[in-house]
Amino acid sequence: MPGLIRNHYYKIVSNLKILLIFIFLTGVSILIFSGGEEMPLFAFLCLSVIGFPFISSIGLRRNNNGKWNQYILSLPVKRCEIVKSVFATQAITILIGSMLSVILFLTSFLIHGFAFYRYIDVVLLFSTAIGISLIMNAIFLPISYLDSNDRTEAMSIISLIISVAIMLGLIAVINILIEKPTDMQLMIFATGNLVLSIAVFLISCSLTVSIYSKQDC
């Protein structure tokens, strides 16, 4: 598994390096020029927690029926391990993006003070962004293994739109059911949202294993 994950990162490293440099420069600019305002921090959160795994997923699955796929299949590993390594790679990418955002948020708070109205707002933002990223991958990855025409970019964009719509729908339902939720209720929602997103991600991994194991390559 670690060897497969390294192989996946070798495939996408050029795109991720460019994006990481952009994320770093964006973070420095936010610390210098934003004055600790909420919107730049929110934009950075979206860039690192959603945008970073989004680019990674495209790189992983682009040309999935080409030479790279033949190379992966030539390795002495089972197909289920290949799929699990792809999901593990994306999970690691989401974790890296989340850590980058945590570092920027804490640094901004130390320099400029706490920018948000309540601490729970930060928890909700992170829960929502991570949830979107997990659901996006849960939708995109199994579909990419079913697709034989290499429409990676189109499918990834559609998956992102669907995941954002799902998350906004959940938030809307909560706002309808609970007119003025307390901090504890919001914390329960954030935790439940994260748990459900992880569960969907893991179920998607099992589904993708089943799909890929039945394919002839």
N, C-alpha and C. Protein backbone atom coordinates (compact mmCIF):
# COMPACT_ATOMS: atom_id res chain seq x y z
N MET A 1 0.82 -1.23 0.00
CA MET A 1 0.00 0.00 0.00
C MET A 1 0.85 1.28 0.00
N PRO A 2 1.86 1.42 0.90
CA PRO A 2 2.69 2.63 0.86
C PRO A 2 3.36 2.84 -0.49
N GLY A 3 3.81 1.74 -1.13
CA GLY A 3 4.43 1.86 -2.44
C GLY A 3 3.46 2.37 -3.49
N LEU A 4 2.23 1.90 -3.46
CA LEU A 4 1.21 2.36 -4.40
C LEU A 4 0.91 3.85 -4.19
N ILE A 5 0.82 4.26 -2.93
CA ILE A 5 0.55 5.66 -2.63
C ILE A 5 1.69 6.54 -3.16
N ARG A 6 2.93 6.09 -2.99
CA ARG A 6 4.07 6.84 -3.54
C ARG A 6 3.97 6.94 -5.05
N ASN A 7 3.58 5.85 -5.71
CA ASN A 7 3.42 5.86 -7.17
C ASN A 7 2.36 6.86 -7.60
N HIS A 8 1.26 6.92 -6.85
CA HIS A 8 0.21 7.88 -7.18
C HIS A 8 0.72 9.32 -7.06
N TYR A 9 1.50 9.58 -6.03
CA TYR A 9 2.01 10.94 -5.86
C TYR A 9 3.06 11.29 -6.91
N TYR A 10 3.81 10.30 -7.38
CA TYR A 10 4.73 10.55 -8.49
C TYR A 10 3.96 11.00 -9.73
N LYS A 11 2.77 10.45 -9.91
CA LYS A 11 1.95 10.77 -11.08
C LYS A 11 1.42 12.20 -11.02
N ILE A 12 1.07 12.67 -9.83
CA ILE A 12 0.39 13.97 -9.70
C ILE A 12 1.28 15.05 -9.10
N VAL A 13 2.55 14.73 -8.84
CA VAL A 13 3.40 15.64 -8.08
C VAL A 13 3.60 16.98 -8.78
N SER A 14 3.70 17.01 -10.11
CA SER A 14 3.95 18.27 -10.81
C SER A 14 2.80 19.25 -10.60
N ASN A 15 1.56 18.76 -10.75
CA ASN A 15 0.40 19.63 -10.54
C ASN A 15 0.30 20.08 -9.08
N LEU A 16 0.56 19.17 -8.15
CA LEU A 16 0.44 19.50 -6.74
C LEU A 16 1.51 20.50 -6.29
N LYS A 17 2.72 20.40 -6.87
CA LYS A 17 3.78 21.35 -6.51
C LYS A 17 3.37 22.76 -6.87
N ILE A 18 2.84 22.92 -8.09
CA ILE A 18 2.41 24.25 -8.55
C ILE A 18 1.30 24.77 -7.65
N LEU A 19 0.34 23.91 -7.33
CA LEU A 19 -0.78 24.33 -6.50
C LEU A 19 -0.31 24.66 -5.08
N LEU A 20 0.62 23.87 -4.54
CA LEU A 20 1.13 24.13 -3.19
C LEU A 20 1.86 25.47 -3.12
N ILE A 21 2.60 25.79 -4.18
CA ILE A 21 3.27 27.10 -4.23
C ILE A 21 2.23 28.22 -4.24
N PHE A 22 1.18 28.03 -5.04
CA PHE A 22 0.11 29.02 -5.11
C PHE A 22 -0.60 29.16 -3.76
N ILE A 23 -0.86 28.02 -3.10
CA ILE A 23 -1.51 28.04 -1.78
C ILE A 23 -0.62 28.77 -0.77
N PHE A 24 0.68 28.49 -0.81
CA PHE A 24 1.62 29.14 0.11
C PHE A 24 1.63 30.65 -0.09
N LEU A 25 1.72 31.09 -1.35
CA LEU A 25 1.74 32.53 -1.65
C LEU A 25 0.43 33.19 -1.27
N THR A 26 -0.68 32.47 -1.49
CA THR A 26 -1.99 32.99 -1.10
C THR A 26 -2.08 33.15 0.41
N GLY A 27 -1.58 32.16 1.15
CA GLY A 27 -1.60 32.22 2.60
C GLY A 27 -0.78 33.39 3.14
N VAL A 28 0.41 33.59 2.57
CA VAL A 28 1.26 34.70 3.00
C VAL A 28 0.58 36.03 2.71
N SER A 29 -0.04 36.14 1.53
CA SER A 29 -0.74 37.37 1.16
C SER A 29 -1.90 37.66 2.12
N ILE A 30 -2.62 36.60 2.50
CA ILE A 30 -3.74 36.77 3.44
C ILE A 30 -3.24 37.28 4.79
N LEU A 31 -2.13 36.71 5.26
CA LEU A 31 -1.59 37.14 6.56
C LEU A 31 -1.12 38.59 6.53
N ILE A 32 -0.59 39.02 5.38
CA ILE A 32 -0.04 40.37 5.29
C ILE A 32 -1.12 41.42 5.02
N PHE A 33 -2.03 41.10 4.10
CA PHE A 33 -2.92 42.14 3.59
C PHE A 33 -4.38 42.04 4.05
N SER A 34 -4.81 40.90 4.58
CA SER A 34 -6.25 40.73 4.85
C SER A 34 -6.72 41.41 6.12
N GLY A 35 -5.80 41.64 7.05
CA GLY A 35 -6.19 42.23 8.32
C GLY A 35 -7.01 41.28 9.18
N GLY A 36 -6.93 39.98 8.90
CA GLY A 36 -7.64 38.99 9.71
C GLY A 36 -9.12 38.91 9.43
N GLU A 37 -9.55 39.36 8.26
CA GLU A 37 -10.98 39.30 7.91
C GLU A 37 -11.41 37.86 7.61
N GLU A 38 -12.72 37.62 7.70
CA GLU A 38 -13.25 36.27 7.56
C GLU A 38 -13.16 35.72 6.14
N MET A 39 -13.55 36.51 5.15
CA MET A 39 -13.67 36.02 3.78
C MET A 39 -12.36 35.48 3.20
N PRO A 40 -11.22 36.17 3.36
CA PRO A 40 -9.97 35.59 2.86
C PRO A 40 -9.64 34.25 3.51
N LEU A 41 -9.93 34.12 4.80
CA LEU A 41 -9.69 32.84 5.48
C LEU A 41 -10.59 31.76 4.92
N PHE A 42 -11.86 32.11 4.68
CA PHE A 42 -12.80 31.16 4.10
C PHE A 42 -12.36 30.74 2.70
N ALA A 43 -11.88 31.70 1.91
CA ALA A 43 -11.41 31.40 0.56
C ALA A 43 -10.21 30.45 0.60
N PHE A 44 -9.30 30.68 1.55
CA PHE A 44 -8.14 29.80 1.68
C PHE A 44 -8.57 28.40 2.09
N LEU A 45 -9.54 28.31 2.98
CA LEU A 45 -10.06 27.01 3.40
C LEU A 45 -10.60 26.24 2.20
N CYS A 46 -11.37 26.91 1.36
CA CYS A 46 -11.92 26.25 0.16
C CYS A 46 -10.81 25.82 -0.79
N LEU A 47 -9.80 26.68 -0.93
CA LEU A 47 -8.69 26.39 -1.84
C LEU A 47 -7.90 25.16 -1.39
N SER A 48 -7.59 25.10 -0.10
CA SER A 48 -6.72 24.04 0.40
C SER A 48 -7.46 22.73 0.70
N VAL A 49 -8.67 22.82 1.25
CA VAL A 49 -9.39 21.61 1.66
C VAL A 49 -10.23 21.04 0.52
N ILE A 50 -10.71 21.89 -0.39
CA ILE A 50 -11.53 21.41 -1.51
C ILE A 50 -10.73 21.43 -2.82
N GLY A 51 -10.08 22.56 -3.10
CA GLY A 51 -9.35 22.70 -4.36
C GLY A 51 -8.16 21.76 -4.49
N PHE A 52 -7.41 21.60 -3.40
CA PHE A 52 -6.23 20.73 -3.42
C PHE A 52 -6.61 19.27 -3.73
N PRO A 53 -7.56 18.66 -3.02
CA PRO A 53 -7.98 17.29 -3.37
C PRO A 53 -8.68 17.21 -4.74
N PHE A 54 -9.34 18.30 -5.14
CA PHE A 54 -10.00 18.32 -6.45
C PHE A 54 -8.98 18.14 -7.57
N ILE A 55 -7.89 18.91 -7.53
CA ILE A 55 -6.83 18.80 -8.53
C ILE A 55 -6.15 17.43 -8.44
N SER A 56 -5.96 16.97 -7.22
CA SER A 56 -5.34 15.66 -7.01
C SER A 56 -6.17 14.54 -7.63
N SER A 57 -7.49 14.59 -7.45
CA SER A 57 -8.36 13.54 -8.00
C SER A 57 -8.32 13.51 -9.52
N ILE A 58 -8.27 14.69 -10.14
CA ILE A 58 -8.19 14.76 -11.60
C ILE A 58 -6.88 14.14 -12.06
N GLY A 59 -5.78 14.50 -11.40
CA GLY A 59 -4.49 13.94 -11.78
C GLY A 59 -4.41 12.44 -11.61
N LEU A 60 -5.03 11.92 -10.55
CA LEU A 60 -5.01 10.48 -10.29
C LEU A 60 -5.75 9.69 -11.35
N ARG A 61 -6.88 10.23 -11.83
CA ARG A 61 -7.75 9.45 -12.70
C ARG A 61 -7.68 9.85 -14.16
N ARG A 62 -6.90 10.90 -14.52
CA ARG A 62 -6.75 11.27 -15.91
C ARG A 62 -6.01 10.17 -16.66
N ASN A 63 -6.46 9.88 -17.87
CA ASN A 63 -5.87 8.80 -18.70
C ASN A 63 -5.86 7.47 -17.95
N ASN A 64 -6.99 7.18 -17.26
CA ASN A 64 -7.02 5.98 -16.43
C ASN A 64 -7.02 4.69 -17.23
N ASN A 65 -7.25 4.78 -18.53
CA ASN A 65 -7.19 3.57 -19.36
C ASN A 65 -5.89 3.49 -20.16
N GLY A 66 -4.94 4.37 -19.86
CA GLY A 66 -3.71 4.44 -20.63
C GLY A 66 -2.56 3.65 -20.04
N LYS A 67 -1.33 4.14 -20.32
CA LYS A 67 -0.13 3.41 -19.92
C LYS A 67 0.01 3.32 -18.40
N TRP A 68 -0.41 4.40 -17.70
CA TRP A 68 -0.27 4.38 -16.24
C TRP A 68 -1.11 3.26 -15.63
N ASN A 69 -2.31 3.08 -16.16
CA ASN A 69 -3.17 2.01 -15.65
C ASN A 69 -2.56 0.65 -15.93
N GLN A 70 -1.98 0.49 -17.13
CA GLN A 70 -1.33 -0.78 -17.45
C GLN A 70 -0.12 -1.03 -16.55
N TYR A 71 0.59 0.06 -16.22
CA TYR A 71 1.74 -0.08 -15.32
C TYR A 71 1.29 -0.51 -13.92
N ILE A 72 0.23 0.15 -13.40
CA ILE A 72 -0.28 -0.21 -12.07
C ILE A 72 -0.73 -1.66 -12.03
N LEU A 73 -1.40 -2.09 -13.10
CA LEU A 73 -1.91 -3.47 -13.15
C LEU A 73 -0.78 -4.49 -13.28
N SER A 74 0.38 -4.04 -13.77
CA SER A 74 1.51 -4.96 -13.91
C SER A 74 2.21 -5.22 -12.57
N LEU A 75 1.91 -4.39 -11.57
CA LEU A 75 2.53 -4.57 -10.25
C LEU A 75 1.92 -5.79 -9.55
N PRO A 76 2.69 -6.45 -8.68
CA PRO A 76 2.20 -7.65 -7.99
C PRO A 76 1.27 -7.31 -6.81
N VAL A 77 0.16 -6.66 -7.13
CA VAL A 77 -0.81 -6.28 -6.10
C VAL A 77 -2.22 -6.56 -6.61
N LYS A 78 -3.13 -6.74 -5.69
CA LYS A 78 -4.51 -6.99 -6.05
C LYS A 78 -5.19 -5.68 -6.45
N ARG A 79 -6.25 -5.82 -7.25
CA ARG A 79 -6.99 -4.62 -7.68
C ARG A 79 -7.63 -3.90 -6.51
N CYS A 80 -8.05 -4.63 -5.52
CA CYS A 80 -8.65 -3.97 -4.35
C CYS A 80 -7.63 -3.08 -3.66
N GLU A 81 -6.36 -3.51 -3.64
CA GLU A 81 -5.31 -2.69 -3.04
C GLU A 81 -5.05 -1.44 -3.85
N ILE A 82 -5.17 -1.54 -5.18
CA ILE A 82 -4.99 -0.37 -6.04
C ILE A 82 -6.05 0.68 -5.73
N VAL A 83 -7.30 0.24 -5.65
CA VAL A 83 -8.40 1.16 -5.37
C VAL A 83 -8.24 1.78 -3.98
N LYS A 84 -7.94 0.93 -2.99
CA LYS A 84 -7.77 1.44 -1.63
C LYS A 84 -6.64 2.46 -1.55
N SER A 85 -5.58 2.26 -2.34
CA SER A 85 -4.47 3.20 -2.33
C SER A 85 -4.88 4.55 -2.94
N VAL A 86 -5.76 4.53 -3.94
CA VAL A 86 -6.26 5.77 -4.52
C VAL A 86 -7.08 6.54 -3.49
N PHE A 87 -7.96 5.85 -2.79
CA PHE A 87 -8.77 6.49 -1.75
C PHE A 87 -7.88 6.98 -0.60
N ALA A 88 -6.86 6.18 -0.24
CA ALA A 88 -5.94 6.59 0.82
C ALA A 88 -5.16 7.84 0.41
N THR A 89 -4.76 7.90 -0.85
CA THR A 89 -4.05 9.07 -1.36
C THR A 89 -4.91 10.31 -1.24
N GLN A 90 -6.19 10.18 -1.61
CA GLN A 90 -7.09 11.32 -1.50
C GLN A 90 -7.36 11.72 -0.05
N ALA A 91 -7.47 10.72 0.82
CA ALA A 91 -7.66 11.02 2.24
C ALA A 91 -6.47 11.78 2.80
N ILE A 92 -5.27 11.38 2.41
CA ILE A 92 -4.05 12.07 2.84
C ILE A 92 -4.03 13.50 2.30
N THR A 93 -4.44 13.66 1.05
CA THR A 93 -4.47 14.99 0.43
C THR A 93 -5.44 15.91 1.16
N ILE A 94 -6.61 15.37 1.52
CA ILE A 94 -7.59 16.16 2.29
C ILE A 94 -7.01 16.54 3.65
N LEU A 95 -6.31 15.59 4.28
CA LEU A 95 -5.69 15.86 5.58
C LEU A 95 -4.63 16.95 5.47
N ILE A 96 -3.81 16.90 4.41
CA ILE A 96 -2.79 17.92 4.20
C ILE A 96 -3.43 19.29 4.01
N GLY A 97 -4.47 19.34 3.17
CA GLY A 97 -5.17 20.60 2.95
C GLY A 97 -5.77 21.15 4.23
N SER A 98 -6.33 20.26 5.05
CA SER A 98 -6.92 20.68 6.33
C SER A 98 -5.86 21.23 7.27
N MET A 99 -4.70 20.58 7.33
CA MET A 99 -3.62 21.04 8.20
C MET A 99 -3.09 22.40 7.75
N LEU A 100 -3.00 22.60 6.44
CA LEU A 100 -2.56 23.90 5.93
C LEU A 100 -3.52 25.00 6.37
N SER A 101 -4.82 24.71 6.32
CA SER A 101 -5.82 25.70 6.74
C SER A 101 -5.76 25.95 8.23
N VAL A 102 -5.57 24.88 9.01
CA VAL A 102 -5.46 25.05 10.46
C VAL A 102 -4.27 25.96 10.80
N ILE A 103 -3.15 25.73 10.13
CA ILE A 103 -1.95 26.55 10.38
C ILE A 103 -2.22 28.01 10.04
N LEU A 104 -2.85 28.26 8.88
CA LEU A 104 -3.14 29.64 8.49
C LEU A 104 -4.12 30.31 9.45
N PHE A 105 -5.18 29.59 9.81
CA PHE A 105 -6.18 30.16 10.73
C PHE A 105 -5.53 30.53 12.06
N LEU A 106 -4.75 29.60 12.63
CA LEU A 106 -4.12 29.87 13.93
C LEU A 106 -3.13 31.02 13.85
N THR A 107 -2.36 31.05 12.76
CA THR A 107 -1.40 32.15 12.58
C THR A 107 -2.11 33.48 12.45
N SER A 108 -3.20 33.49 11.68
CA SER A 108 -3.98 34.72 11.51
C SER A 108 -4.58 35.18 12.83
N PHE A 109 -5.09 34.23 13.61
CA PHE A 109 -5.68 34.58 14.92
C PHE A 109 -4.62 35.15 15.86
N LEU A 110 -3.40 34.60 15.80
CA LEU A 110 -2.33 35.10 16.66
C LEU A 110 -1.90 36.51 16.26
N ILE A 111 -1.90 36.78 14.94
CA ILE A 111 -1.44 38.08 14.45
C ILE A 111 -2.53 39.14 14.54
N HIS A 112 -3.72 38.78 14.06
CA HIS A 112 -4.79 39.77 13.90
C HIS A 112 -5.93 39.62 14.91
N GLY A 113 -5.92 38.56 15.70
CA GLY A 113 -7.03 38.31 16.61
C GLY A 113 -8.08 37.41 15.97
N PHE A 114 -9.02 36.97 16.79
CA PHE A 114 -10.06 36.04 16.31
C PHE A 114 -11.03 36.79 15.39
N ALA A 115 -11.20 36.27 14.17
CA ALA A 115 -11.95 36.99 13.13
C ALA A 115 -13.43 36.67 13.12
N PHE A 116 -13.82 35.55 13.73
CA PHE A 116 -15.19 35.09 13.60
C PHE A 116 -16.02 35.47 14.82
N TYR A 117 -17.32 35.42 14.66
CA TYR A 117 -18.23 35.79 15.74
C TYR A 117 -18.19 34.77 16.87
N ARG A 118 -18.14 33.46 16.49
CA ARG A 118 -18.12 32.38 17.48
C ARG A 118 -17.10 31.33 17.07
N TYR A 119 -16.57 30.61 18.04
CA TYR A 119 -15.62 29.54 17.74
C TYR A 119 -16.30 28.41 16.95
N ILE A 120 -17.58 28.19 17.19
CA ILE A 120 -18.29 27.13 16.51
C ILE A 120 -18.37 27.38 15.01
N ASP A 121 -18.30 28.66 14.61
CA ASP A 121 -18.32 28.99 13.19
C ASP A 121 -17.12 28.39 12.46
N VAL A 122 -15.98 28.41 13.11
CA VAL A 122 -14.77 27.83 12.51
C VAL A 122 -14.92 26.32 12.37
N VAL A 123 -15.45 25.68 13.42
CA VAL A 123 -15.69 24.23 13.38
C VAL A 123 -16.64 23.87 12.24
N LEU A 124 -17.70 24.64 12.08
CA LEU A 124 -18.67 24.39 11.01
C LEU A 124 -18.04 24.56 9.63
N LEU A 125 -17.21 25.57 9.48
CA LEU A 125 -16.55 25.79 8.19
C LEU A 125 -15.66 24.61 7.82
N PHE A 126 -14.87 24.15 8.78
CA PHE A 126 -13.98 23.01 8.51
C PHE A 126 -14.78 21.74 8.25
N SER A 127 -15.81 21.51 9.04
CA SER A 127 -16.65 20.33 8.86
C SER A 127 -17.30 20.33 7.48
N THR A 128 -17.79 21.49 7.06
CA THR A 128 -18.45 21.59 5.77
C THR A 128 -17.47 21.38 4.62
N ALA A 129 -16.31 22.03 4.69
CA ALA A 129 -15.31 21.91 3.62
C ALA A 129 -14.79 20.48 3.50
N ILE A 130 -14.47 19.85 4.63
CA ILE A 130 -13.99 18.46 4.59
C ILE A 130 -15.09 17.54 4.09
N GLY A 131 -16.33 17.78 4.54
CA GLY A 131 -17.46 16.98 4.08
C GLY A 131 -17.65 17.07 2.57
N ILE A 132 -17.56 18.28 2.03
CA ILE A 132 -17.68 18.46 0.57
C ILE A 132 -16.59 17.68 -0.16
N SER A 133 -15.38 17.77 0.34
CA SER A 133 -14.25 17.09 -0.31
C SER A 133 -14.41 15.57 -0.27
N LEU A 134 -14.83 15.05 0.86
CA LEU A 134 -15.03 13.60 0.99
C LEU A 134 -16.16 13.11 0.07
N ILE A 135 -17.27 13.83 0.07
CA ILE A 135 -18.41 13.43 -0.77
C ILE A 135 -18.06 13.56 -2.25
N MET A 136 -17.33 14.62 -2.60
CA MET A 136 -16.90 14.80 -3.98
C MET A 136 -16.11 13.59 -4.47
N ASN A 137 -15.16 13.14 -3.67
CA ASN A 137 -14.37 11.96 -4.04
C ASN A 137 -15.20 10.69 -4.02
N ALA A 138 -16.14 10.61 -3.08
CA ALA A 138 -17.01 9.43 -3.00
C ALA A 138 -17.88 9.29 -4.25
N ILE A 139 -18.22 10.41 -4.87
CA ILE A 139 -19.01 10.38 -6.11
C ILE A 139 -18.11 10.16 -7.32
N PHE A 140 -17.02 10.92 -7.36
CA PHE A 140 -16.18 10.94 -8.56
C PHE A 140 -15.41 9.64 -8.79
N LEU A 141 -14.78 9.09 -7.76
CA LEU A 141 -13.88 7.96 -7.97
C LEU A 141 -14.58 6.71 -8.53
N PRO A 142 -15.72 6.26 -7.98
CA PRO A 142 -16.36 5.09 -8.59
C PRO A 142 -16.84 5.35 -10.02
N ILE A 143 -17.32 6.56 -10.29
CA ILE A 143 -17.75 6.89 -11.66
C ILE A 143 -16.57 6.86 -12.62
N SER A 144 -15.41 7.34 -12.15
CA SER A 144 -14.23 7.36 -13.02
C SER A 144 -13.78 5.96 -13.40
N TYR A 145 -14.04 4.98 -12.53
CA TYR A 145 -13.68 3.60 -12.85
C TYR A 145 -14.70 2.96 -13.80
N LEU A 146 -15.89 3.52 -13.86
CA LEU A 146 -16.90 3.04 -14.80
C LEU A 146 -16.75 3.65 -16.18
N ASP A 147 -16.16 4.84 -16.24
CA ASP A 147 -16.07 5.58 -17.50
C ASP A 147 -14.94 5.03 -18.37
N SER A 148 -15.25 4.80 -19.63
CA SER A 148 -14.25 4.27 -20.57
C SER A 148 -13.79 5.33 -21.57
N ASN A 149 -14.32 6.56 -21.45
CA ASN A 149 -14.01 7.62 -22.42
C ASN A 149 -13.12 8.72 -21.85
N ASP A 150 -12.63 8.53 -20.64
CA ASP A 150 -11.71 9.47 -20.00
C ASP A 150 -12.26 10.89 -19.98
N ARG A 151 -13.45 11.04 -19.40
CA ARG A 151 -14.05 12.38 -19.24
C ARG A 151 -13.82 12.86 -17.80
N THR A 152 -12.57 12.80 -17.39
CA THR A 152 -12.20 13.04 -16.00
C THR A 152 -12.60 14.43 -15.52
N GLU A 153 -12.22 15.46 -16.29
CA GLU A 153 -12.48 16.84 -15.85
C GLU A 153 -13.97 17.10 -15.69
N ALA A 154 -14.77 16.67 -16.69
CA ALA A 154 -16.22 16.91 -16.64
C ALA A 154 -16.84 16.20 -15.44
N MET A 155 -16.45 14.95 -15.21
CA MET A 155 -17.02 14.18 -14.10
C MET A 155 -16.61 14.76 -12.75
N SER A 156 -15.38 15.25 -12.66
CA SER A 156 -14.92 15.82 -11.39
C SER A 156 -15.67 17.11 -11.07
N ILE A 157 -15.92 17.93 -12.07
CA ILE A 157 -16.67 19.18 -11.86
C ILE A 157 -18.10 18.87 -11.43
N ILE A 158 -18.73 17.91 -12.11
CA ILE A 158 -20.09 17.52 -11.76
C ILE A 158 -20.14 16.98 -10.33
N SER A 159 -19.15 16.17 -9.97
CA SER A 159 -19.09 15.61 -8.61
C SER A 159 -18.95 16.71 -7.57
N LEU A 160 -18.13 17.72 -7.88
CA LEU A 160 -17.96 18.85 -6.96
C LEU A 160 -19.27 19.61 -6.79
N ILE A 161 -19.95 19.87 -7.89
CA ILE A 161 -21.23 20.60 -7.83
C ILE A 161 -22.25 19.83 -7.00
N ILE A 162 -22.33 18.52 -7.22
CA ILE A 162 -23.28 17.69 -6.48
C ILE A 162 -22.95 17.69 -4.99
N SER A 163 -21.67 17.58 -4.65
CA SER A 163 -21.27 17.54 -3.23
C SER A 163 -21.58 18.86 -2.54
N VAL A 164 -21.35 19.98 -3.23
CA VAL A 164 -21.69 21.29 -2.66
C VAL A 164 -23.21 21.40 -2.46
N ALA A 165 -23.97 20.93 -3.46
CA ALA A 165 -25.43 20.98 -3.36
C ALA A 165 -25.93 20.14 -2.19
N ILE A 166 -25.34 18.97 -2.00
CA ILE A 166 -25.74 18.10 -0.87
C ILE A 166 -25.47 18.79 0.46
N MET A 167 -24.29 19.39 0.58
CA MET A 167 -23.93 20.04 1.85
C MET A 167 -24.82 21.25 2.11
N LEU A 168 -25.08 22.05 1.09
CA LEU A 168 -25.97 23.20 1.26
C LEU A 168 -27.38 22.75 1.62
N GLY A 169 -27.80 21.62 1.03
CA GLY A 169 -29.12 21.07 1.34
C GLY A 169 -29.22 20.65 2.80
N LEU A 170 -28.17 20.01 3.31
CA LEU A 170 -28.16 19.60 4.72
C LEU A 170 -28.23 20.82 5.65
N ILE A 171 -27.47 21.85 5.30
CA ILE A 171 -27.48 23.07 6.12
C ILE A 171 -28.86 23.72 6.09
N ALA A 172 -29.49 23.74 4.91
CA ALA A 172 -30.82 24.33 4.77
C ALA A 172 -31.85 23.57 5.61
N VAL A 173 -31.74 22.24 5.61
CA VAL A 173 -32.67 21.42 6.40
C VAL A 173 -32.53 21.72 7.88
N ILE A 174 -31.28 21.83 8.34
CA ILE A 174 -31.03 22.14 9.75
C ILE A 174 -31.60 23.50 10.11
N ASN A 175 -31.42 24.47 9.23
CA ASN A 175 -31.95 25.82 9.49
C ASN A 175 -33.48 25.83 9.54
N ILE A 176 -34.11 24.95 8.76
CA ILE A 176 -35.57 24.86 8.77
C ILE A 176 -36.07 24.17 10.04
N LEU A 177 -35.39 23.08 10.40
CA LEU A 177 -35.82 22.30 11.57
C LEU A 177 -35.53 23.02 12.88
N ILE A 178 -34.38 23.69 12.92
CA ILE A 178 -33.97 24.39 14.14
C ILE A 178 -33.74 25.85 13.80
N GLU A 179 -34.66 26.69 14.19
CA GLU A 179 -34.60 28.10 13.78
C GLU A 179 -33.38 28.82 14.35
N LYS A 180 -33.11 28.62 15.63
CA LYS A 180 -31.95 29.25 16.27
C LYS A 180 -31.17 28.18 17.03
N PRO A 181 -30.33 27.43 16.30
CA PRO A 181 -29.59 26.34 16.96
C PRO A 181 -28.56 26.87 17.95
N THR A 182 -28.40 26.13 19.04
CA THR A 182 -27.40 26.47 20.04
C THR A 182 -26.02 26.00 19.57
N ASP A 183 -24.99 26.43 20.27
CA ASP A 183 -23.63 25.99 19.93
C ASP A 183 -23.50 24.48 20.04
N MET A 184 -24.14 23.89 21.04
CA MET A 184 -24.08 22.43 21.20
C MET A 184 -24.74 21.73 20.04
N GLN A 185 -25.90 22.22 19.61
CA GLN A 185 -26.59 21.62 18.46
C GLN A 185 -25.75 21.75 17.19
N LEU A 186 -25.10 22.89 17.02
CA LEU A 186 -24.23 23.08 15.85
C LEU A 186 -23.01 22.16 15.91
N MET A 187 -22.49 21.94 17.11
CA MET A 187 -21.36 21.02 17.26
C MET A 187 -21.78 19.59 16.92
N ILE A 188 -22.96 19.20 17.35
CA ILE A 188 -23.49 17.87 17.02
C ILE A 188 -23.66 17.74 15.51
N PHE A 189 -24.18 18.79 14.87
CA PHE A 189 -24.35 18.77 13.42
C PHE A 189 -23.00 18.65 12.72
N ALA A 190 -22.01 19.44 13.17
CA ALA A 190 -20.68 19.40 12.55
C ALA A 190 -20.05 18.01 12.68
N THR A 191 -20.17 17.43 13.87
CA THR A 191 -19.61 16.09 14.11
C THR A 191 -20.35 15.04 13.28
N GLY A 192 -21.69 15.11 13.29
CA GLY A 192 -22.48 14.16 12.52
C GLY A 192 -22.21 14.28 11.04
N ASN A 193 -22.06 15.50 10.56
CA ASN A 193 -21.76 15.74 9.16
C ASN A 193 -20.43 15.10 8.76
N LEU A 194 -19.45 15.25 9.64
CA LEU A 194 -18.13 14.68 9.37
C LEU A 194 -18.18 13.15 9.39
N VAL A 195 -18.88 12.60 10.37
CA VAL A 195 -18.99 11.14 10.48
C VAL A 195 -19.72 10.55 9.26
N LEU A 196 -20.81 11.17 8.85
CA LEU A 196 -21.56 10.70 7.69
C LEU A 196 -20.73 10.80 6.42
N SER A 197 -19.98 11.89 6.27
CA SER A 197 -19.13 12.07 5.08
C SER A 197 -18.05 10.99 5.00
N ILE A 198 -17.45 10.69 6.16
CA ILE A 198 -16.43 9.63 6.20
C ILE A 198 -17.06 8.28 5.86
N ALA A 199 -18.26 8.03 6.38
CA ALA A 199 -18.96 6.78 6.10
C ALA A 199 -19.26 6.64 4.61
N VAL A 200 -19.72 7.72 3.99
CA VAL A 200 -19.99 7.71 2.55
C VAL A 200 -18.71 7.45 1.76
N PHE A 201 -17.61 8.06 2.20
CA PHE A 201 -16.31 7.87 1.56
C PHE A 201 -15.87 6.41 1.62
N LEU A 202 -16.04 5.78 2.78
CA LEU A 202 -15.64 4.38 2.96
C LEU A 202 -16.55 3.44 2.16
N ILE A 203 -17.85 3.72 2.15
CA ILE A 203 -18.79 2.92 1.35
C ILE A 203 -18.44 3.03 -0.13
N SER A 204 -18.10 4.23 -0.57
CA SER A 204 -17.71 4.44 -1.96
C SER A 204 -16.46 3.65 -2.31
N CYS A 205 -15.52 3.56 -1.35
CA CYS A 205 -14.32 2.77 -1.58
C CYS A 205 -14.67 1.30 -1.82
N SER A 206 -15.57 0.76 -1.01
CA SER A 206 -15.99 -0.64 -1.18
C SER A 206 -16.69 -0.84 -2.52
N LEU A 207 -17.52 0.12 -2.90
CA LEU A 207 -18.22 0.05 -4.18
C LEU A 207 -17.24 0.09 -5.34
N THR A 208 -16.23 0.96 -5.25
CA THR A 208 -15.24 1.08 -6.31
C THR A 208 -14.40 -0.18 -6.42
N VAL A 209 -14.08 -0.79 -5.29
CA VAL A 209 -13.35 -2.07 -5.31
C VAL A 209 -14.15 -3.10 -6.09
N SER A 210 -15.45 -3.16 -5.83
CA SER A 210 -16.33 -4.11 -6.53
C SER A 210 -16.37 -3.83 -8.02
N ILE A 211 -16.44 -2.55 -8.39
CA ILE A 211 -16.49 -2.17 -9.81
C ILE A 211 -15.20 -2.54 -10.51
N TYR A 212 -14.07 -2.18 -9.93
CA TYR A 212 -12.78 -2.40 -10.58
C TYR A 212 -12.40 -3.87 -10.63
N SER A 213 -12.84 -4.63 -9.64
CA SER A 213 -12.50 -6.06 -9.61
C SER A 213 -13.21 -6.83 -10.72
N LYS A 214 -14.31 -6.29 -11.20
CA LYS A 214 -15.08 -6.97 -12.26
C LYS A 214 -14.68 -6.53 -13.67
N GLN A 215 -13.78 -5.56 -13.76
CA GLN A 215 -13.38 -5.05 -15.08
C GLN A 215 -12.29 -5.88 -15.69
N ASP A 216 -12.28 -5.92 -17.01
CA ASP A 216 -11.19 -6.52 -17.75
C ASP A 216 -10.35 -5.41 -18.34
N CYS A 217 -9.08 -5.36 -18.00
CA CYS A 217 -8.20 -4.30 -18.49
C CYS A 217 -7.11 -4.90 -19.36
